[in-house]
Amino acid sequence: MPTMFDRCVPLVFLVACSGTSSHAAGDGGAVSTKDTDSGGTTAAVATTYGNPAGHCAVPGAAAAEDVSSPTTKVGTGTAASCTADAVVAAVHAGGVVTFDCGPSPVTIVVPEIQIFNDGGKGDGSVTIDGGGKVTLSGNDANRILYQNTCDSSLHYTTPHCQDQPAPHLVLQNIALTGGNASATSSVLGGGAVFVGGGTFKAYNLSVTHSTQPNLEQDYAGGAIYTFNQATQPVYIVASTFASNSGCNGGALGSIGTSYTILNSVFSDNSTLGNGENPAAAGTPGGGLGGAIYNDGDGYTLSLCGTLVSDNTAADLGSGSIFQVVDDLKGQLVITDSTFVGNSDTGSVQSATHPSIYVQAADVAGNAGVTITGTTFK
């Protein structure tokens, strides 16, 4: 297991940005329009998420998956046909999952859905596409999706569970809400989604009002927690994370994960802990990274075209991002993004780039941090 963050030494490597963004960031909220079908009725069309002012190029590996030939279609044209049992069965069947729940948006309350490492077509891989009209809810009672290659109850498939390349989990054109990680505190977080091992990609995903409430050192990720993503970066594209909370990392938490985040929004996420790691006397620990908390060895966090606004953290001036690369073999790269209204409280702060705390590679000239075309307000 990669080394977890076990110190908070006052090293903040931040460099001057090259100017303000050439793209004025918008509010980044979901956009939903309506259309009229052939029968004259008004039907909702797909909701889009993320930052509409973000224009960063999306590499092929980060693009949406083709879902034109689904393995399983949940529903038969009505909202009532889209049941929790049908969703669980479809995910367990693996492959490509789409929905036919009628013309209007639907919310489906689901239990924690486990992804078996040998499920579906053999490697557990699943793409879940909500067509921009589906929300899966944990009803504030449970996590929504759980993938863990090193959980024996989900079936071991290799002797190297910590670095196996599958399952591949893709979430696209879908919303998650009301996730709660308190029922499964044995892993380090993920209020809506925990992904251990394999790979993960999100495209046009919304995660809101989800929480990782356990106040212990290294717990994180009110929305999503990733662990041991060894074979490729986690891609987050055109996605929105709003009003989530965690001990650390109000939206995202991870150990040993490289993230590439494009044209997305992080707003009003917050930490629940305080006292840093290890926890100061009389505190539960945590309170680091209002939007994003990253720890581990040899990873890079990259943001482009992304709006980070009004996130809060208790410690180390890390209202937006907390990143510690324990072996100093990693990078923080921020391009054409906007940071506004994020908290900057705690013992370490940056007047030039408020709300970011980072320890990364000591690269000559920039100390492992590259920030260009980005505005801080």
Protein backbone atom coordinates (compact mmCIF):
# COMPACT_ATOMS: atom_id res chain seq x y z
CA MET A 1 0.00 0.00 0.00
CA PRO A 2 1.40 3.44 -0.81
CA THR A 3 2.61 5.51 2.09
CA MET A 4 -0.19 7.62 3.52
CA PHE A 5 0.34 11.23 4.50
CA ASP A 6 1.69 11.17 8.02
CA ARG A 7 3.10 14.62 8.41
CA CYS A 8 2.16 18.20 7.72
CA VAL A 9 5.49 19.96 7.34
CA PRO A 10 5.26 23.60 6.25
CA LEU A 11 6.44 23.21 2.65
CA VAL A 12 4.23 24.98 0.14
CA PHE A 13 5.60 24.96 -3.39
CA LEU A 14 3.65 27.48 -5.44
CA VAL A 15 4.71 29.51 -8.44
CA ALA A 16 3.40 32.62 -10.10
CA CYS A 17 0.86 32.01 -12.81
CA SER A 18 1.47 33.40 -16.24
CA GLY A 19 -1.67 35.49 -16.32
CA THR A 20 -5.39 35.30 -16.03
CA SER A 21 -7.51 32.80 -17.86
CA SER A 22 -8.43 33.54 -21.43
CA HIS A 23 -11.77 31.82 -20.81
CA ALA A 24 -14.12 33.51 -18.36
CA ALA A 25 -15.53 30.71 -16.23
CA GLY A 26 -19.28 30.51 -15.99
CA ASP A 27 -21.37 29.21 -13.13
CA GLY A 28 -20.80 25.63 -14.25
CA GLY A 29 -24.22 24.44 -13.21
CA ALA A 30 -26.22 21.75 -14.92
CA VAL A 31 -28.02 22.78 -18.08
CA SER A 32 -31.36 21.20 -18.86
CA THR A 33 -33.48 22.10 -21.86
CA LYS A 34 -36.82 20.85 -23.12
CA ASP A 35 -37.99 19.61 -26.46
CA THR A 36 -41.33 18.75 -28.00
CA ASP A 37 -41.92 15.20 -29.18
CA SER A 38 -44.03 14.16 -32.14
CA GLY A 39 -47.14 13.91 -29.98
CA GLY A 40 -47.00 17.56 -29.03
CA THR A 41 -45.93 16.96 -25.41
CA THR A 42 -42.92 18.59 -23.80
CA ALA A 43 -40.17 16.12 -22.94
CA ALA A 44 -36.95 16.75 -21.05
CA VAL A 45 -33.73 16.27 -22.97
CA ALA A 46 -30.31 15.36 -21.68
CA THR A 47 -28.83 17.39 -18.85
CA THR A 48 -25.24 18.48 -19.23
CA TYR A 49 -22.82 19.18 -16.38
CA GLY A 50 -19.40 20.70 -15.94
CA ASN A 51 -18.01 24.11 -16.86
CA PRO A 52 -19.51 25.49 -20.08
CA ALA A 53 -16.66 28.03 -20.26
CA GLY A 54 -14.02 25.30 -20.19
CA HIS A 55 -12.58 24.56 -23.61
CA CYS A 56 -9.70 22.21 -22.89
CA ALA A 57 -9.13 19.43 -25.39
CA VAL A 58 -10.35 15.98 -24.36
CA PRO A 59 -7.99 13.13 -25.31
CA GLY A 60 -9.46 10.00 -26.82
CA ALA A 61 -8.98 7.96 -23.65
CA ALA A 62 -11.06 10.50 -21.73
CA ALA A 63 -13.94 10.71 -24.22
CA ALA A 64 -17.38 9.25 -23.63
CA GLU A 65 -17.80 5.56 -24.40
CA ASP A 66 -19.96 4.27 -27.27
CA VAL A 67 -23.23 3.00 -25.79
CA SER A 68 -25.15 2.48 -29.02
CA SER A 69 -25.31 -1.29 -28.46
CA PRO A 70 -26.03 -1.74 -24.75
CA THR A 71 -25.60 -5.03 -22.95
CA THR A 72 -28.57 -4.19 -20.72
CA LYS A 73 -31.23 -1.51 -20.96
CA VAL A 74 -32.85 -0.68 -17.62
CA GLY A 75 -36.57 0.02 -17.96
CA THR A 76 -39.22 -0.46 -20.61
CA GLY A 77 -40.18 3.14 -21.30
CA THR A 78 -41.72 4.20 -17.98
CA ALA A 79 -40.33 5.56 -14.74
CA ALA A 80 -41.96 2.71 -12.79
CA SER A 81 -40.03 0.13 -14.79
CA CYS A 82 -36.69 1.59 -13.69
CA THR A 83 -36.33 -0.12 -10.32
CA ALA A 84 -33.37 -0.48 -7.98
CA ASP A 85 -33.36 -4.24 -8.54
CA ALA A 86 -33.11 -3.69 -12.29
CA VAL A 87 -30.17 -1.32 -11.86
CA VAL A 88 -28.31 -3.73 -9.57
CA ALA A 89 -28.87 -6.64 -11.96
CA ALA A 90 -27.68 -4.59 -14.93
CA VAL A 91 -24.46 -3.51 -13.21
CA HIS A 92 -23.74 -7.08 -12.14
CA ALA A 93 -24.26 -8.21 -15.75
CA GLY A 94 -21.47 -5.84 -16.78
CA GLY A 95 -20.85 -4.39 -20.19
CA VAL A 96 -22.81 -1.31 -21.26
CA VAL A 97 -25.83 -0.25 -19.20
CA THR A 98 -28.33 2.33 -20.51
CA PHE A 99 -31.81 3.39 -19.40
CA ASP A 100 -35.30 3.65 -20.91
CA CYS A 101 -37.33 5.28 -18.15
CA GLY A 102 -39.63 7.49 -20.19
CA PRO A 103 -39.31 11.09 -21.38
CA SER A 104 -38.80 12.79 -18.01
CA PRO A 105 -35.89 12.73 -15.57
CA VAL A 106 -36.04 10.00 -12.93
CA THR A 107 -34.40 9.40 -9.57
CA ILE A 108 -33.82 5.78 -8.54
CA VAL A 109 -32.97 5.01 -4.90
CA VAL A 110 -30.46 2.16 -4.87
CA PRO A 111 -28.51 0.15 -2.27
CA GLU A 112 -24.73 0.07 -2.43
CA ILE A 113 -24.04 -1.68 -5.74
CA GLN A 114 -21.00 -3.93 -5.62
CA ILE A 115 -18.91 -4.54 -8.71
CA PHE A 116 -17.58 -8.10 -8.76
CA ASN A 117 -14.09 -8.43 -10.15
CA ASP A 118 -15.07 -11.45 -12.24
CA GLY A 119 -18.61 -10.29 -12.98
CA GLY A 120 -20.24 -9.37 -16.25
CA LYS A 121 -18.19 -10.70 -19.14
CA GLY A 122 -15.45 -11.90 -16.84
CA ASP A 123 -13.51 -8.87 -15.64
CA GLY A 124 -16.32 -6.91 -13.95
CA SER A 125 -16.07 -3.94 -16.30
CA VAL A 126 -19.17 -1.80 -16.69
CA THR A 127 -20.16 1.47 -18.38
CA ILE A 128 -23.25 3.14 -16.90
CA ASP A 129 -24.85 5.81 -19.10
CA GLY A 130 -27.90 7.63 -17.77
CA GLY A 131 -28.64 9.50 -20.99
CA GLY A 132 -28.63 12.76 -19.03
CA LYS A 133 -31.99 11.93 -17.43
CA VAL A 134 -31.14 9.49 -14.62
CA THR A 135 -30.11 10.15 -11.02
CA LEU A 136 -29.05 7.31 -8.73
CA SER A 137 -29.60 8.12 -5.05
CA GLY A 138 -28.17 6.56 -1.90
CA ASN A 139 -31.02 8.23 0.01
CA ASP A 140 -28.44 9.57 2.53
CA ALA A 141 -28.09 5.99 3.80
CA ASN A 142 -25.42 4.23 1.76
CA ARG A 143 -22.69 4.53 -0.83
CA ILE A 144 -23.94 4.05 -4.40
CA LEU A 145 -21.12 2.14 -6.16
CA TYR A 146 -18.29 0.06 -4.71
CA GLN A 147 -15.38 -1.42 -6.67
CA ASN A 148 -12.44 -2.94 -4.81
CA THR A 149 -10.05 -5.43 -6.39
CA CYS A 150 -8.53 -6.23 -3.00
CA ASP A 151 -11.84 -7.06 -1.30
CA SER A 152 -12.02 -10.86 -1.14
CA SER A 153 -15.82 -10.77 -0.97
CA LEU A 154 -15.81 -9.37 -4.52
CA HIS A 155 -13.63 -12.29 -5.69
CA TYR A 156 -9.89 -12.11 -6.21
CA THR A 157 -8.91 -12.46 -9.85
CA THR A 158 -5.12 -11.99 -9.66
CA PRO A 159 -2.44 -12.37 -6.97
CA HIS A 160 -1.64 -8.69 -7.54
CA CYS A 161 -4.96 -7.11 -6.61
CA GLN A 162 -3.31 -3.78 -5.85
CA ASP A 163 -2.28 -3.11 -9.45
CA GLN A 164 -4.59 -5.11 -11.70
CA PRO A 165 -5.96 -3.31 -14.78
CA ALA A 166 -9.66 -4.23 -14.44
CA PRO A 167 -12.54 -3.79 -13.75
CA HIS A 168 -13.02 -0.67 -15.85
CA LEU A 169 -15.77 1.51 -14.38
CA VAL A 170 -17.17 4.34 -16.51
CA LEU A 171 -19.93 6.70 -15.37
CA GLN A 172 -21.31 9.06 -17.99
CA ASN A 173 -24.35 11.28 -18.56
CA ILE A 174 -25.65 10.47 -15.09
CA ALA A 175 -26.13 12.06 -11.66
CA LEU A 176 -25.45 10.62 -8.22
CA THR A 177 -26.84 12.13 -5.03
CA GLY A 178 -27.33 11.34 -1.36
CA GLY A 179 -24.42 8.93 -1.05
CA ASN A 180 -23.20 8.15 2.47
CA ALA A 181 -20.07 6.17 3.33
CA SER A 182 -20.79 5.73 7.04
CA ALA A 183 -22.24 2.25 6.57
CA THR A 184 -18.95 0.90 5.19
CA SER A 185 -16.16 2.56 7.13
CA SER A 186 -13.60 -0.22 6.53
CA VAL A 187 -12.37 1.60 3.40
CA LEU A 188 -11.07 5.13 3.47
CA GLY A 189 -13.97 6.98 1.92
CA GLY A 190 -16.11 7.69 -1.10
CA GLY A 191 -19.54 8.94 -0.10
CA ALA A 192 -21.03 8.12 -3.51
CA VAL A 193 -18.34 5.97 -5.16
CA PHE A 194 -15.33 3.99 -3.96
CA VAL A 195 -12.99 2.69 -6.66
CA GLY A 196 -10.10 0.51 -5.54
CA GLY A 197 -7.97 -0.96 -8.31
CA GLY A 198 -8.88 -1.28 -11.98
CA THR A 199 -9.67 2.01 -13.72
CA PHE A 200 -12.28 4.75 -13.47
CA LYS A 201 -13.56 7.46 -15.80
CA ALA A 202 -16.32 10.04 -15.42
CA TYR A 203 -17.84 11.98 -18.32
CA ASN A 204 -20.74 14.41 -17.83
CA LEU A 205 -21.22 13.20 -14.26
CA SER A 206 -22.85 15.09 -11.39
CA VAL A 207 -22.29 14.16 -7.74
CA THR A 208 -24.13 16.18 -5.12
CA HIS A 209 -25.05 16.06 -1.42
CA SER A 210 -22.90 13.02 -0.69
CA THR A 211 -20.74 12.55 2.38
CA GLN A 212 -17.90 10.61 3.94
CA PRO A 213 -18.64 11.38 7.60
CA ASN A 214 -16.11 9.21 9.45
CA LEU A 215 -13.68 11.54 11.20
CA GLU A 216 -10.38 9.67 11.12
CA GLN A 217 -6.94 10.28 9.67
CA ASP A 218 -6.73 9.78 5.88
CA TYR A 219 -10.48 9.31 5.40
CA ALA A 220 -11.60 11.41 2.44
CA GLY A 221 -13.82 11.88 -0.59
CA GLY A 222 -17.36 13.03 0.06
CA ALA A 223 -18.19 12.22 -3.57
CA ILE A 224 -15.52 9.80 -4.86
CA TYR A 225 -12.51 8.01 -3.40
CA THR A 226 -9.99 6.25 -5.63
CA PHE A 227 -7.18 3.93 -4.55
CA ASN A 228 -4.46 2.06 -6.44
CA GLN A 229 -5.37 3.34 -9.90
CA ALA A 230 -2.10 2.10 -11.30
CA THR A 231 -2.59 1.72 -15.05
CA GLN A 232 -3.85 5.15 -16.15
CA PRO A 233 -5.00 8.47 -14.72
CA VAL A 234 -8.55 8.87 -13.54
CA TYR A 235 -10.27 11.10 -16.10
CA ILE A 236 -12.95 13.52 -14.88
CA VAL A 237 -14.49 15.37 -17.84
CA ALA A 238 -17.32 17.93 -18.02
CA SER A 239 -18.50 16.96 -14.55
CA THR A 240 -19.92 18.76 -11.52
CA PHE A 241 -19.26 18.15 -7.82
CA ALA A 242 -21.40 20.28 -5.52
CA SER A 243 -22.29 20.34 -1.82
CA ASN A 244 -20.38 17.19 -0.88
CA SER A 245 -18.42 16.74 2.35
CA GLY A 246 -15.72 14.51 3.81
CA CYS A 247 -13.28 14.34 6.70
CA ASN A 248 -10.73 15.38 4.06
CA GLY A 249 -11.47 16.08 0.39
CA GLY A 250 -15.03 17.34 0.29
CA ALA A 251 -15.45 16.06 -3.29
CA LEU A 252 -12.49 13.85 -4.30
CA GLY A 253 -10.12 11.81 -2.16
CA SER A 254 -7.38 9.40 -3.13
CA ILE A 255 -4.19 7.58 -2.35
CA GLY A 256 -1.81 6.86 -5.22
CA THR A 257 -4.09 8.21 -7.96
CA SER A 258 -3.26 10.51 -10.85
CA TYR A 259 -6.22 12.67 -11.88
CA THR A 260 -6.78 14.51 -15.15
CA ILE A 261 -9.74 16.87 -14.64
CA LEU A 262 -11.10 18.76 -17.66
CA ASN A 263 -13.83 21.39 -18.04
CA SER A 264 -15.42 20.56 -14.69
CA VAL A 265 -16.84 22.32 -11.63
CA PHE A 266 -16.19 21.94 -7.90
CA SER A 267 -18.46 24.14 -5.80
CA ASP A 268 -19.53 24.36 -2.16
CA ASN A 269 -17.74 21.20 -1.07
CA SER A 270 -16.28 21.09 2.44
CA THR A 271 -14.20 19.18 4.96
CA LEU A 272 -15.73 17.85 8.17
CA GLY A 273 -12.56 17.08 10.12
CA ASN A 274 -9.93 19.29 11.67
CA GLY A 275 -6.50 18.93 13.22
CA GLU A 276 -4.55 17.72 10.16
CA ASN A 277 -2.75 14.34 9.82
CA PRO A 278 -1.62 13.00 12.23
CA ALA A 279 -4.39 14.49 14.32
CA ALA A 280 -3.47 17.22 16.76
CA ALA A 281 -4.31 16.50 20.39
CA GLY A 282 -8.00 16.87 21.06
CA THR A 283 -9.02 16.77 17.39
CA PRO A 284 -10.36 14.02 15.11
CA GLY A 285 -7.81 14.83 12.40
CA GLY A 286 -8.38 15.75 8.79
CA GLY A 287 -9.76 19.06 7.56
CA LEU A 288 -7.58 19.09 4.43
CA GLY A 289 -8.67 19.81 0.85
CA GLY A 290 -12.11 21.39 0.59
CA ALA A 291 -12.56 20.09 -2.96
CA ILE A 292 -9.68 17.63 -3.57
CA TYR A 293 -7.45 15.58 -1.25
CA ASN A 294 -4.59 13.59 -2.78
CA ASP A 295 -1.86 11.58 -1.06
CA GLY A 296 0.59 8.82 -1.97
CA ASP A 297 3.64 8.26 -4.14
CA GLY A 298 4.37 9.18 -7.75
CA TYR A 299 1.16 10.76 -9.01
CA THR A 300 0.08 13.93 -10.85
CA LEU A 301 -3.00 16.10 -10.45
CA SER A 302 -3.91 18.03 -13.60
CA LEU A 303 -6.79 20.51 -13.94
CA CYS A 304 -7.73 22.35 -17.13
CA GLY A 305 -10.75 24.51 -17.92
CA THR A 306 -12.12 23.92 -14.45
CA LEU A 307 -14.01 26.19 -12.05
CA VAL A 308 -13.26 25.71 -8.35
CA SER A 309 -15.51 27.91 -6.21
CA ASP A 310 -16.63 28.38 -2.61
CA ASN A 311 -15.06 25.22 -1.21
CA THR A 312 -13.91 25.20 2.43
CA ALA A 313 -11.33 23.34 4.52
CA ALA A 314 -10.35 23.73 8.14
CA ASP A 315 -6.56 23.56 7.89
CA LEU A 316 -3.38 24.46 5.99
CA GLY A 317 -5.04 26.99 3.71
CA SER A 318 -6.33 24.12 1.58
CA GLY A 319 -9.87 25.22 0.77
CA SER A 320 -9.59 23.97 -2.81
CA ILE A 321 -6.70 21.47 -3.10
CA PHE A 322 -4.50 19.48 -0.74
CA GLN A 323 -1.80 17.43 -2.47
CA VAL A 324 1.15 15.64 -0.88
CA VAL A 325 3.37 13.41 -3.01
CA ASP A 326 5.27 11.49 -0.34
CA ASP A 327 8.16 10.46 -2.58
CA LEU A 328 8.22 13.92 -4.27
CA LYS A 329 7.83 12.23 -7.66
CA GLY A 330 4.72 13.97 -8.88
CA GLN A 331 3.26 17.18 -10.27
CA LEU A 332 0.44 19.67 -9.88
CA VAL A 333 -0.55 21.21 -13.24
CA ILE A 334 -3.34 23.80 -13.48
CA THR A 335 -4.26 25.42 -16.80
CA ASP A 336 -6.96 27.90 -17.88
CA SER A 337 -8.97 27.50 -14.69
CA THR A 338 -10.66 29.78 -12.16
CA PHE A 339 -10.45 29.63 -8.36
CA VAL A 340 -12.86 31.92 -6.54
CA GLY A 341 -14.20 32.16 -2.99
CA ASN A 342 -12.37 29.13 -1.60
CA SER A 343 -11.29 29.28 2.04
CA ASP A 344 -7.69 29.99 2.94
CA THR A 345 -7.59 29.34 6.68
CA GLY A 346 -4.98 27.52 8.71
CA SER A 347 -1.30 27.66 9.51
CA VAL A 348 0.03 27.63 5.93
CA GLN A 349 -1.34 30.03 3.35
CA SER A 350 -0.32 31.50 0.01
CA ALA A 351 -1.03 35.13 -0.78
CA THR A 352 -0.47 34.50 -4.49
CA HIS A 353 -2.44 31.26 -4.87
CA PRO A 354 -4.86 31.03 -1.99
CA SER A 355 -6.56 27.75 -1.08
CA ILE A 356 -3.85 25.37 -2.39
CA TYR A 357 -1.41 23.33 -0.30
CA VAL A 358 1.00 21.10 -2.22
CA GLN A 359 4.20 19.12 -1.80
CA ALA A 360 5.41 17.72 -5.10
CA ALA A 361 8.56 17.06 -7.12
CA ASP A 362 11.45 19.46 -6.79
CA VAL A 363 11.70 20.33 -10.47
CA ALA A 364 14.15 23.13 -11.24
CA GLY A 365 12.33 26.39 -11.76
CA ASN A 366 8.86 25.39 -10.69
CA ALA A 367 9.16 22.97 -7.75
CA GLY A 368 6.77 20.50 -9.33
CA VAL A 369 3.94 23.00 -9.79
CA THR A 370 2.88 24.60 -13.08
CA ILE A 371 0.00 27.10 -13.04
CA THR A 372 -0.80 28.97 -16.27
CA GLY A 373 -3.70 31.00 -17.60
CA THR A 374 -5.47 30.70 -14.26
CA THR A 375 -7.28 33.25 -12.10
CA PHE A 376 -7.41 33.29 -8.29
CA LYS A 377 -9.97 35.53 -6.62
